[in-house]
Amino acid sequence: MPILIGIVIVAAVGYYISLRSHPYTKCRLCNGSGKHFGTVFSTAHRKCGKCNGTGRLDRFGTRFISR
């Protein structure tokens, strides 16, 4: 049981360090481009609604860490 607790603590600290150094991930809807392409007219595009055109989203847990 103490080994399991140690592993969980090491994993949590590693994830915290990873969040501090890389807080964003690529938007899955637009694949990081920031553009949402149409289905009928495939050359037409608009700003992605999920990432607001930035192409990146916050990773899980970044809202709990204040910067």
N, C-alpha and C. Protein backbone atom coordinates (compact mmCIF):
# COMPACT_ATOMS: atom_id res chain seq x y z
N MET A 1 0.80 -1.20 0.00
CA MET A 1 0.00 0.00 0.00
C MET A 1 0.84 1.27 0.00
N PRO A 2 1.94 1.35 0.78
CA PRO A 2 2.77 2.56 0.73
C PRO A 2 3.42 2.77 -0.64
N ILE A 3 3.69 1.67 -1.34
CA ILE A 3 4.30 1.78 -2.68
C ILE A 3 3.29 2.41 -3.64
N LEU A 4 2.03 1.99 -3.52
CA LEU A 4 0.99 2.55 -4.38
C LEU A 4 0.79 4.04 -4.12
N ILE A 5 0.83 4.44 -2.88
CA ILE A 5 0.70 5.86 -2.53
C ILE A 5 1.89 6.65 -3.08
N GLY A 6 3.08 6.07 -3.00
CA GLY A 6 4.26 6.73 -3.55
C GLY A 6 4.18 6.90 -5.05
N ILE A 7 3.67 5.88 -5.74
CA ILE A 7 3.53 5.95 -7.20
C ILE A 7 2.52 7.03 -7.57
N VAL A 8 1.41 7.11 -6.84
CA VAL A 8 0.39 8.12 -7.12
C VAL A 8 0.94 9.53 -6.89
N ILE A 9 1.72 9.70 -5.83
CA ILE A 9 2.30 11.02 -5.55
C ILE A 9 3.29 11.42 -6.63
N VAL A 10 4.13 10.49 -7.06
CA VAL A 10 5.11 10.79 -8.12
C VAL A 10 4.39 11.12 -9.43
N ALA A 11 3.32 10.38 -9.75
CA ALA A 11 2.57 10.65 -10.97
C ALA A 11 1.88 12.01 -10.90
N ALA A 12 1.34 12.37 -9.74
CA ALA A 12 0.66 13.66 -9.59
C ALA A 12 1.65 14.82 -9.71
N VAL A 13 2.81 14.68 -9.12
CA VAL A 13 3.83 15.73 -9.22
C VAL A 13 4.33 15.85 -10.67
N GLY A 14 4.50 14.73 -11.34
CA GLY A 14 4.92 14.76 -12.75
C GLY A 14 3.89 15.42 -13.64
N TYR A 15 2.62 15.14 -13.39
CA TYR A 15 1.56 15.77 -14.19
C TYR A 15 1.48 17.27 -13.90
N TYR A 16 1.68 17.66 -12.65
CA TYR A 16 1.69 19.07 -12.28
C TYR A 16 2.81 19.82 -13.00
N ILE A 17 3.99 19.24 -13.03
CA ILE A 17 5.12 19.86 -13.72
C ILE A 17 4.85 19.95 -15.22
N SER A 18 4.22 18.91 -15.77
CA SER A 18 3.88 18.90 -17.19
C SER A 18 2.85 19.98 -17.51
N LEU A 19 1.88 20.18 -16.62
CA LEU A 19 0.88 21.23 -16.83
C LEU A 19 1.49 22.62 -16.76
N ARG A 20 2.43 22.81 -15.87
CA ARG A 20 3.07 24.12 -15.74
C ARG A 20 3.91 24.45 -16.98
N SER A 21 4.55 23.46 -17.57
CA SER A 21 5.41 23.73 -18.72
C SER A 21 4.65 23.73 -20.05
N HIS A 22 3.58 22.92 -20.16
CA HIS A 22 2.80 22.83 -21.40
C HIS A 22 1.31 22.84 -21.06
N PRO A 23 0.72 24.02 -20.85
CA PRO A 23 -0.67 24.07 -20.40
C PRO A 23 -1.73 23.89 -21.50
N TYR A 24 -1.34 23.91 -22.77
CA TYR A 24 -2.32 23.83 -23.85
C TYR A 24 -2.16 22.54 -24.64
N THR A 25 -3.27 22.14 -25.26
CA THR A 25 -3.27 21.01 -26.17
C THR A 25 -3.94 21.44 -27.48
N LYS A 26 -3.73 20.67 -28.51
CA LYS A 26 -4.28 20.97 -29.83
C LYS A 26 -5.79 20.72 -29.82
N CYS A 27 -6.55 21.63 -30.42
CA CYS A 27 -8.00 21.47 -30.53
C CYS A 27 -8.30 20.28 -31.44
N ARG A 28 -9.16 19.38 -30.97
CA ARG A 28 -9.46 18.19 -31.76
C ARG A 28 -10.45 18.47 -32.88
N LEU A 29 -11.29 19.46 -32.71
CA LEU A 29 -12.30 19.74 -33.72
C LEU A 29 -11.68 20.30 -35.00
N CYS A 30 -10.75 21.25 -34.87
CA CYS A 30 -10.13 21.86 -36.05
C CYS A 30 -8.72 21.33 -36.29
N ASN A 31 -8.26 20.42 -35.47
CA ASN A 31 -6.93 19.80 -35.59
C ASN A 31 -5.81 20.84 -35.45
N GLY A 32 -6.06 21.86 -34.64
CA GLY A 32 -5.04 22.86 -34.36
C GLY A 32 -4.91 23.97 -35.37
N SER A 33 -5.74 23.99 -36.39
CA SER A 33 -5.62 25.03 -37.42
C SER A 33 -6.40 26.28 -37.05
N GLY A 34 -7.42 26.17 -36.22
CA GLY A 34 -8.25 27.30 -35.88
C GLY A 34 -9.36 27.57 -36.89
N LYS A 35 -9.44 26.72 -37.91
CA LYS A 35 -10.45 26.89 -38.97
C LYS A 35 -11.37 25.68 -38.99
N HIS A 36 -12.65 25.94 -39.15
CA HIS A 36 -13.64 24.88 -39.30
C HIS A 36 -14.12 24.91 -40.74
N PHE A 37 -13.86 23.85 -41.48
CA PHE A 37 -14.21 23.80 -42.90
C PHE A 37 -15.62 23.27 -43.09
N GLY A 38 -16.29 23.76 -44.12
CA GLY A 38 -17.66 23.36 -44.41
C GLY A 38 -17.73 21.95 -44.98
N THR A 39 -18.91 21.35 -44.87
CA THR A 39 -19.09 19.99 -45.40
C THR A 39 -19.50 20.01 -46.87
N VAL A 40 -20.33 20.96 -47.25
CA VAL A 40 -20.77 21.04 -48.65
C VAL A 40 -19.72 21.75 -49.49
N PHE A 41 -19.32 22.93 -49.06
CA PHE A 41 -18.29 23.68 -49.76
C PHE A 41 -16.99 23.52 -48.95
N SER A 42 -16.20 22.56 -49.32
CA SER A 42 -15.03 22.18 -48.51
C SER A 42 -13.91 23.21 -48.52
N THR A 43 -13.95 24.18 -49.41
CA THR A 43 -12.91 25.21 -49.40
C THR A 43 -13.28 26.38 -48.51
N ALA A 44 -14.57 26.50 -48.17
CA ALA A 44 -15.02 27.58 -47.30
C ALA A 44 -14.69 27.23 -45.84
N HIS A 45 -14.32 28.23 -45.08
CA HIS A 45 -14.01 27.97 -43.67
C HIS A 45 -14.42 29.15 -42.82
N ARG A 46 -14.53 28.87 -41.52
CA ARG A 46 -14.84 29.89 -40.53
C ARG A 46 -14.01 29.62 -39.30
N LYS A 47 -14.09 30.52 -38.35
CA LYS A 47 -13.35 30.37 -37.10
C LYS A 47 -13.94 29.19 -36.31
N CYS A 48 -13.09 28.36 -35.76
CA CYS A 48 -13.53 27.21 -34.98
C CYS A 48 -14.26 27.69 -33.73
N GLY A 49 -15.42 27.11 -33.47
CA GLY A 49 -16.22 27.52 -32.33
C GLY A 49 -15.75 26.96 -31.01
N LYS A 50 -15.04 25.86 -31.05
CA LYS A 50 -14.60 25.23 -29.80
C LYS A 50 -13.39 25.95 -29.21
N CYS A 51 -12.42 26.30 -30.05
CA CYS A 51 -11.20 26.95 -29.56
C CYS A 51 -11.19 28.45 -29.85
N ASN A 52 -12.26 28.96 -30.45
CA ASN A 52 -12.39 30.38 -30.80
C ASN A 52 -11.32 30.84 -31.80
N GLY A 53 -10.89 29.93 -32.65
CA GLY A 53 -9.94 30.27 -33.70
C GLY A 53 -8.48 30.25 -33.30
N THR A 54 -8.16 29.88 -32.07
CA THR A 54 -6.76 29.86 -31.65
C THR A 54 -6.06 28.55 -32.00
N GLY A 55 -6.82 27.47 -32.11
CA GLY A 55 -6.22 26.18 -32.43
C GLY A 55 -5.71 25.44 -31.21
N ARG A 56 -5.91 25.97 -30.03
CA ARG A 56 -5.43 25.30 -28.83
C ARG A 56 -6.45 25.41 -27.70
N LEU A 57 -6.43 24.43 -26.83
CA LEU A 57 -7.34 24.36 -25.69
C LEU A 57 -6.54 24.11 -24.42
N ASP A 58 -7.13 24.45 -23.29
CA ASP A 58 -6.49 24.15 -22.01
C ASP A 58 -6.52 22.65 -21.76
N ARG A 59 -5.44 22.13 -21.22
CA ARG A 59 -5.39 20.73 -20.83
C ARG A 59 -6.19 20.51 -19.57
N PHE A 60 -6.56 19.26 -19.31
CA PHE A 60 -7.32 18.94 -18.11
C PHE A 60 -6.48 19.23 -16.88
N GLY A 61 -7.00 20.07 -16.00
CA GLY A 61 -6.31 20.38 -14.78
C GLY A 61 -5.70 21.77 -14.74
N THR A 62 -5.65 22.47 -15.87
CA THR A 62 -5.04 23.79 -15.86
C THR A 62 -5.91 24.82 -15.16
N ARG A 63 -7.21 24.58 -15.09
CA ARG A 63 -8.09 25.52 -14.40
C ARG A 63 -7.89 25.47 -12.89
N PHE A 64 -7.39 24.35 -12.39
CA PHE A 64 -7.14 24.23 -10.94
C PHE A 64 -5.84 24.87 -10.52
N ILE A 65 -4.96 25.12 -11.50
CA ILE A 65 -3.66 25.72 -11.20
C ILE A 65 -3.74 27.19 -11.57
N SER A 66 -3.54 28.04 -10.64
CA SER A 66 -3.59 29.47 -10.94
C SER A 66 -2.22 29.93 -11.46
N ARG A 67 -2.28 30.75 -12.50
CA ARG A 67 -1.03 31.25 -13.07
C ARG A 67 -0.86 32.68 -12.77
